[in-house]
Amino acid sequence: MVLCALRRQLLRSGSRCGTWTRLLQRPSSGCVYSSTDGFNHQEIREKLQAFPGGSIDLLKQDSGIAVLTINNPSRMNAFSGSMMVDLEERVTQLENWTGGKGLIVQGAAETFCSGSDLNAVRAISNPQDGMKMCMFMQNTLTRLVRLPLISVALVEGRALGGGAELTTACDFRLMASGSVIQFVHKHMGLVPGWGGAARLVRLVGSQNALKLLGGAVKVDPELGLHIGLSDEVLEAQQEAEGVVTLLQQAENWLSRYTKGPAPVIQAVKKVVLSGRELPLSDALRTEKDVFGTVWGGPANLQALASKPKHK
């Protein structure tokens, strides 16, 4: 439905904006680039798979909350080429998960992600391959942003470079005590290329984004809360049953916003997404269409039957 609204806007805007025109030709509402941009999806997949190591693990739970784990602890969970392909495949699985409501993205072994594995980076250091990798990851992370699931990045340890960019592709960020988010791209002679800069501006504003990128500022939990990059700080907790892990705390936090039937939670995410990405008139039309999918639906009828009178 978001895609339909995007197409309506494209038809109205004509040649005013080349970006809108290109979006009309996308095979998927989540993808930014296609063959019309010189992007050969299969070619870059094969090139990335030549650099193996680590994995992206997905656990879909009966609660409707999935856990996505960046698993390459020997390299601080840096993305190898094959992990980039893994991530795309896991996002596809989540797009097709009809019972899904929420997603937690975490790193293995108490650290989040240190960006790209330098072995893969050195091997594709020419501008042409670098641009292809950039387009591949922008497509994947944009699809992650547009999942009909409420998503949370659980940041333990360090989220550096591409890892910092990955946090911005989630709806919320929970930072563990002592954790750091740092956009270190400047130190590598680069700027973000996975969409992190564009998303960061929307999260913290252009001035704060300039400070974080230009100064490669280490964002600790206190600063994260202050500028709006973090939504809550998680501390170690001890209860009678034992230690409450950070993952359990994140699940408890997210469950506040995912209680209820999956179609309703997914509808909530869709209307917020359209409000953020579309012009107002098209966002309103999309909201009307999504409203139509839940009005008179099982959850709506059950609520009407159980609450016949206002109290």
Protein backbone atom coordinates (compact mmCIF):
# COMPACT_ATOMS: atom_id res chain seq x y z
CA MET A 1 0.00 0.00 0.00
CA VAL A 2 2.89 2.31 0.72
CA LEU A 3 4.20 1.41 -2.74
CA CYS A 4 0.85 2.26 -4.32
CA ALA A 5 0.92 5.66 -2.68
CA LEU A 6 4.47 6.19 -3.86
CA ARG A 7 3.35 5.40 -7.39
CA ARG A 8 0.47 7.88 -7.17
CA GLN A 9 2.89 10.57 -6.09
CA LEU A 10 5.20 9.69 -8.97
CA LEU A 11 2.44 10.05 -11.49
CA ARG A 12 1.62 13.51 -10.14
CA SER A 13 5.17 14.74 -9.81
CA GLY A 14 6.20 13.89 -13.35
CA SER A 15 9.73 15.08 -14.04
CA ARG A 16 10.02 17.29 -10.96
CA CYS A 17 12.10 14.75 -9.12
CA GLY A 18 14.24 12.09 -10.72
CA THR A 19 14.27 10.06 -7.51
CA TRP A 20 10.48 9.67 -7.54
CA THR A 21 10.57 8.65 -11.21
CA ARG A 22 13.19 5.97 -10.53
CA LEU A 23 11.24 4.64 -7.55
CA LEU A 24 8.27 3.88 -9.80
CA GLN A 25 10.35 1.30 -11.60
CA ARG A 26 11.36 -0.64 -8.47
CA PRO A 27 10.27 -4.28 -8.29
CA SER A 28 9.98 -4.01 -4.49
CA SER A 29 8.72 -1.21 -2.28
CA GLY A 30 11.80 -1.62 -0.10
CA CYS A 31 14.48 -1.37 -2.76
CA VAL A 32 16.20 1.90 -3.59
CA TYR A 33 18.26 0.66 -6.56
CA SER A 34 17.54 -1.63 -9.49
CA SER A 35 18.98 -2.43 -12.90
CA THR A 36 17.94 1.02 -14.13
CA ASP A 37 20.68 2.40 -11.85
CA GLY A 38 23.27 -0.02 -13.23
CA PHE A 39 22.81 -2.29 -10.21
CA ASN A 40 23.27 -5.99 -10.96
CA HIS A 41 21.94 -7.73 -7.88
CA GLN A 42 23.21 -11.22 -8.69
CA GLU A 43 26.66 -9.96 -9.64
CA ILE A 44 27.28 -8.19 -6.34
CA ARG A 45 25.82 -11.12 -4.36
CA GLU A 46 28.35 -13.47 -5.97
CA LYS A 47 31.18 -11.03 -5.35
CA LEU A 48 30.25 -10.62 -1.67
CA GLN A 49 29.90 -14.36 -1.12
CA ALA A 50 33.55 -14.76 -2.11
CA PHE A 51 34.44 -13.30 1.32
CA PRO A 52 33.04 -15.74 3.89
CA GLY A 53 32.99 -15.60 7.67
CA GLY A 54 30.44 -15.27 10.43
CA SER A 55 26.70 -15.48 10.04
CA ILE A 56 23.45 -13.60 10.55
CA ASP A 57 21.21 -15.75 12.72
CA LEU A 58 17.44 -15.39 12.93
CA LEU A 59 15.17 -16.77 15.64
CA LYS A 60 11.43 -16.29 15.13
CA GLN A 61 9.55 -16.80 18.40
CA ASP A 62 5.93 -17.72 19.14
CA SER A 63 5.57 -14.34 20.86
CA GLY A 64 5.83 -12.68 17.46
CA ILE A 65 9.19 -11.12 18.38
CA ALA A 66 12.19 -12.25 16.33
CA VAL A 67 15.84 -11.95 17.32
CA LEU A 68 18.41 -11.19 14.61
CA THR A 69 22.00 -11.80 15.76
CA ILE A 70 25.12 -10.48 14.05
CA ASN A 71 27.50 -13.35 14.71
CA ASN A 72 31.18 -12.89 13.96
CA PRO A 73 32.72 -12.39 17.43
CA SER A 74 36.32 -13.04 16.39
CA ARG A 75 36.09 -9.80 14.36
CA MET A 76 33.87 -7.82 16.75
CA ASN A 77 30.88 -8.89 14.65
CA ALA A 78 32.17 -7.08 11.56
CA PHE A 79 30.25 -7.84 8.38
CA SER A 80 32.00 -10.19 6.00
CA GLY A 81 30.75 -10.28 2.42
CA SER A 82 28.75 -13.46 3.02
CA MET A 83 27.14 -11.86 6.10
CA MET A 84 25.84 -9.02 3.94
CA VAL A 85 24.15 -11.63 1.75
CA ASP A 86 22.90 -13.44 4.87
CA LEU A 87 21.33 -10.22 6.14
CA GLU A 88 19.44 -9.70 2.91
CA GLU A 89 18.09 -13.27 3.09
CA ARG A 90 16.99 -12.82 6.72
CA VAL A 91 15.18 -9.59 5.83
CA THR A 92 13.34 -11.48 3.09
CA GLN A 93 12.27 -14.09 5.64
CA LEU A 94 11.00 -11.35 7.95
CA GLU A 95 9.08 -9.67 5.11
CA ASN A 96 7.20 -12.95 4.63
CA TRP A 97 6.53 -13.59 8.34
CA THR A 98 2.79 -13.13 8.66
CA GLY A 99 2.81 -13.74 12.42
CA GLY A 100 5.58 -11.25 13.16
CA LYS A 101 5.15 -8.18 15.34
CA GLY A 102 8.60 -7.14 16.56
CA LEU A 103 12.31 -7.53 15.90
CA ILE A 104 15.38 -7.21 18.10
CA VAL A 105 18.74 -6.77 16.37
CA GLN A 106 21.75 -7.66 18.54
CA GLY A 107 25.37 -8.68 18.29
CA ALA A 108 26.90 -11.89 19.59
CA ALA A 109 29.30 -12.04 22.53
CA GLU A 110 28.28 -8.75 24.15
CA THR A 111 29.25 -6.42 21.35
CA PHE A 112 27.03 -5.04 18.60
CA CYS A 113 28.92 -4.65 15.32
CA SER A 114 32.16 -3.02 14.17
CA GLY A 115 31.08 -2.36 10.59
CA SER A 116 32.65 -4.05 7.56
CA ASP A 117 35.34 -6.71 7.76
CA LEU A 118 38.47 -4.97 6.50
CA ASN A 119 39.54 -8.05 4.54
CA ALA A 120 36.44 -7.73 2.36
CA VAL A 121 36.80 -3.95 2.19
CA ARG A 122 40.37 -4.17 0.90
CA ALA A 123 39.37 -6.71 -1.74
CA ILE A 124 36.61 -4.48 -3.15
CA SER A 125 38.37 -1.17 -2.65
CA ASN A 126 37.95 0.04 -6.24
CA PRO A 127 35.21 2.67 -6.64
CA GLN A 128 33.01 0.53 -8.91
CA ASP A 129 32.77 -2.40 -6.50
CA GLY A 130 32.47 -0.06 -3.54
CA MET A 131 29.44 1.60 -5.12
CA LYS A 132 27.84 -1.79 -5.81
CA MET A 133 28.33 -2.85 -2.18
CA CYS A 134 26.90 0.50 -1.09
CA MET A 135 23.78 0.01 -3.21
CA PHE A 136 23.36 -3.58 -2.01
CA MET A 137 23.49 -2.59 1.67
CA GLN A 138 21.29 0.48 1.17
CA ASN A 139 18.67 -1.75 -0.44
CA THR A 140 18.87 -4.28 2.40
CA LEU A 141 18.76 -1.76 5.24
CA THR A 142 15.96 0.22 3.60
CA ARG A 143 13.95 -3.00 3.43
CA LEU A 144 14.79 -3.54 7.12
CA VAL A 145 13.48 -0.06 7.94
CA ARG A 146 10.27 -0.78 6.01
CA LEU A 147 9.51 -4.14 7.61
CA PRO A 148 5.97 -4.24 9.06
CA LEU A 149 7.57 -5.03 12.42
CA ILE A 150 8.48 -2.72 15.29
CA SER A 151 12.26 -3.02 15.51
CA VAL A 152 14.81 -2.37 18.25
CA ALA A 153 18.61 -2.33 18.11
CA LEU A 154 20.01 -3.75 21.35
CA VAL A 155 23.44 -2.11 21.59
CA GLU A 156 25.99 -3.81 23.82
CA GLY A 157 29.68 -2.98 23.61
CA ARG A 158 30.49 -1.07 20.45
CA ALA A 159 28.49 -0.15 17.38
CA LEU A 160 31.09 1.30 15.03
CA GLY A 161 30.96 2.49 11.42
CA GLY A 162 28.51 0.30 9.54
CA GLY A 163 27.38 -1.05 12.91
CA ALA A 164 26.34 2.47 13.91
CA GLU A 165 24.51 2.76 10.59
CA LEU A 166 22.69 -0.50 11.28
CA THR A 167 21.31 0.90 14.55
CA THR A 168 19.66 3.72 12.61
CA ALA A 169 17.76 1.18 10.48
CA CYS A 170 15.74 0.16 13.56
CA ASP A 171 12.76 2.02 14.98
CA PHE A 172 14.32 2.22 18.47
CA ARG A 173 17.75 1.87 20.06
CA LEU A 174 18.33 0.49 23.56
CA MET A 175 21.87 1.03 24.84
CA ALA A 176 23.43 -1.11 27.54
CA SER A 177 25.43 0.62 30.24
CA GLY A 178 28.97 1.19 28.96
CA SER A 179 28.06 0.82 25.29
CA VAL A 180 29.12 3.21 22.53
CA ILE A 181 27.72 4.17 19.12
CA GLN A 182 30.35 5.84 16.95
CA PHE A 183 30.32 6.84 13.30
CA VAL A 184 34.04 6.34 12.66
CA HIS A 185 33.84 6.71 8.88
CA LYS A 186 35.88 9.92 8.85
CA HIS A 187 38.86 8.07 10.31
CA MET A 188 38.71 5.70 7.32
CA GLY A 189 38.54 8.57 4.83
CA LEU A 190 34.87 7.85 4.18
CA VAL A 191 31.30 8.92 4.87
CA PRO A 192 28.44 6.54 5.67
CA GLY A 193 27.35 4.54 2.64
CA TRP A 194 24.67 2.23 3.97
CA GLY A 195 22.08 5.00 4.38
CA GLY A 196 23.21 5.85 7.90
CA ALA A 197 23.75 9.56 7.33
CA ALA A 198 20.30 10.13 5.82
CA ARG A 199 18.62 8.21 8.63
CA LEU A 200 20.76 9.89 11.30
CA VAL A 201 19.64 13.37 10.19
CA ARG A 202 16.02 12.29 10.61
CA LEU A 203 16.73 10.88 14.05
CA VAL A 204 18.83 13.62 15.67
CA GLY A 205 18.64 16.61 13.31
CA SER A 206 21.21 17.98 10.90
CA GLN A 207 23.33 19.82 13.47
CA ASN A 208 23.73 16.84 15.75
CA ALA A 209 24.38 14.63 12.73
CA LEU A 210 27.16 16.96 11.60
CA LYS A 211 28.72 16.76 15.05
CA LEU A 212 28.52 12.98 15.22
CA LEU A 213 29.91 12.47 11.70
CA GLY A 214 32.40 15.35 11.57
CA GLY A 215 33.74 14.69 15.06
CA ALA A 216 33.42 10.89 15.02
CA VAL A 217 31.89 11.44 18.46
CA LYS A 218 31.62 8.51 20.84
CA VAL A 219 27.96 8.43 21.80
CA ASP A 220 27.56 6.88 25.24
CA PRO A 221 24.11 6.08 26.69
CA GLU A 222 23.78 9.47 28.40
CA LEU A 223 24.57 11.44 25.25
CA GLY A 224 22.40 9.07 23.21
CA LEU A 225 19.39 9.84 25.39
CA HIS A 226 20.13 13.57 25.31
CA ILE A 227 20.20 13.86 21.51
CA GLY A 228 17.46 11.31 20.83
CA LEU A 229 19.64 8.57 19.34
CA SER A 230 18.90 6.21 22.25
CA ASP A 231 15.47 5.47 23.68
CA GLU A 232 16.48 3.87 26.97
CA VAL A 233 19.52 2.68 28.92
CA LEU A 234 19.53 -0.92 30.10
CA GLU A 235 21.33 -1.87 33.31
CA ALA A 236 22.14 -5.31 34.68
CA GLN A 237 19.16 -6.58 36.70
CA GLN A 238 18.95 -9.21 39.42
CA GLU A 239 15.65 -10.81 40.40
CA ALA A 240 14.69 -13.70 42.63
CA GLU A 241 14.76 -16.06 39.66
CA GLY A 242 18.27 -14.93 38.72
CA VAL A 243 19.90 -12.43 36.41
CA VAL A 244 17.62 -10.81 33.83
CA THR A 245 19.64 -10.71 30.62
CA LEU A 246 19.76 -7.62 28.44
CA LEU A 247 17.96 -9.54 25.71
CA GLN A 248 15.14 -10.38 28.14
CA GLN A 249 14.96 -6.72 29.14
CA ALA A 250 14.80 -5.70 25.49
CA GLU A 251 12.01 -8.20 24.86
CA ASN A 252 10.08 -6.89 27.87
CA TRP A 253 10.56 -3.30 26.66
CA LEU A 254 9.43 -4.12 23.13
CA SER A 255 6.45 -6.17 24.30
CA ARG A 256 4.82 -2.95 25.56
CA TYR A 257 4.31 -1.96 21.92
CA THR A 258 3.66 -5.38 20.36
CA LYS A 259 0.80 -6.67 22.53
CA GLY A 260 -2.14 -7.61 20.37
CA PRO A 261 -2.79 -9.43 17.09
CA ALA A 262 -0.05 -9.36 14.46
CA PRO A 263 -2.26 -7.77 11.74
CA VAL A 264 -2.99 -4.81 14.03
CA ILE A 265 0.65 -4.27 15.07
CA GLN A 266 1.76 -4.53 11.45
CA ALA A 267 -0.92 -2.02 10.48
CA VAL A 268 0.40 0.39 13.13
CA LYS A 269 3.90 0.16 11.65
CA LYS A 270 2.58 0.67 8.12
CA VAL A 271 0.67 3.88 8.89
CA VAL A 272 3.64 5.34 10.78
CA LEU A 273 5.98 4.40 7.95
CA SER A 274 3.74 6.05 5.35
CA GLY A 275 3.46 9.17 7.51
CA ARG A 276 7.23 9.39 7.69
CA GLU A 277 8.06 8.67 4.05
CA LEU A 278 5.16 10.02 2.01
CA PRO A 279 3.70 13.48 1.33
CA LEU A 280 0.72 14.17 3.58
CA SER A 281 -2.00 13.58 0.97
CA ASP A 282 -0.58 10.19 0.03
CA ALA A 283 0.05 9.27 3.66
CA LEU A 284 -3.62 9.97 4.38
CA ARG A 285 -4.72 7.75 1.51
CA THR A 286 -2.42 4.98 2.70
CA GLU A 287 -3.77 5.33 6.23
CA LYS A 288 -7.29 4.97 4.83
CA ASP A 289 -6.30 1.81 2.95
CA VAL A 290 -4.59 0.25 5.97
CA PHE A 291 -7.56 1.20 8.16
CA GLY A 292 -9.75 -0.75 5.76
CA THR A 293 -7.74 -3.92 6.34
CA VAL A 294 -8.44 -3.96 10.10
CA TRP A 295 -11.93 -2.37 10.29
CA GLY A 296 -14.36 -5.23 10.76
CA GLY A 297 -11.48 -7.64 11.16
CA PRO A 298 -11.28 -10.32 13.86
CA ALA A 299 -9.52 -8.10 16.41
CA ASN A 300 -11.93 -5.22 15.82
CA LEU A 301 -15.02 -7.45 16.11
CA GLN A 302 -13.72 -9.14 19.24
CA ALA A 303 -13.03 -5.77 20.87
CA LEU A 304 -16.54 -4.54 20.00
CA ALA A 305 -18.09 -7.69 21.43
CA SER A 306 -16.15 -7.55 24.68
CA LYS A 307 -16.60 -3.81 25.24
CA PRO A 308 -20.25 -3.02 24.45
CA LYS A 309 -20.36 0.13 26.55
CA HIS A 310 -18.00 3.01 27.28
CA LYS A 311 -16.98 3.19 30.92
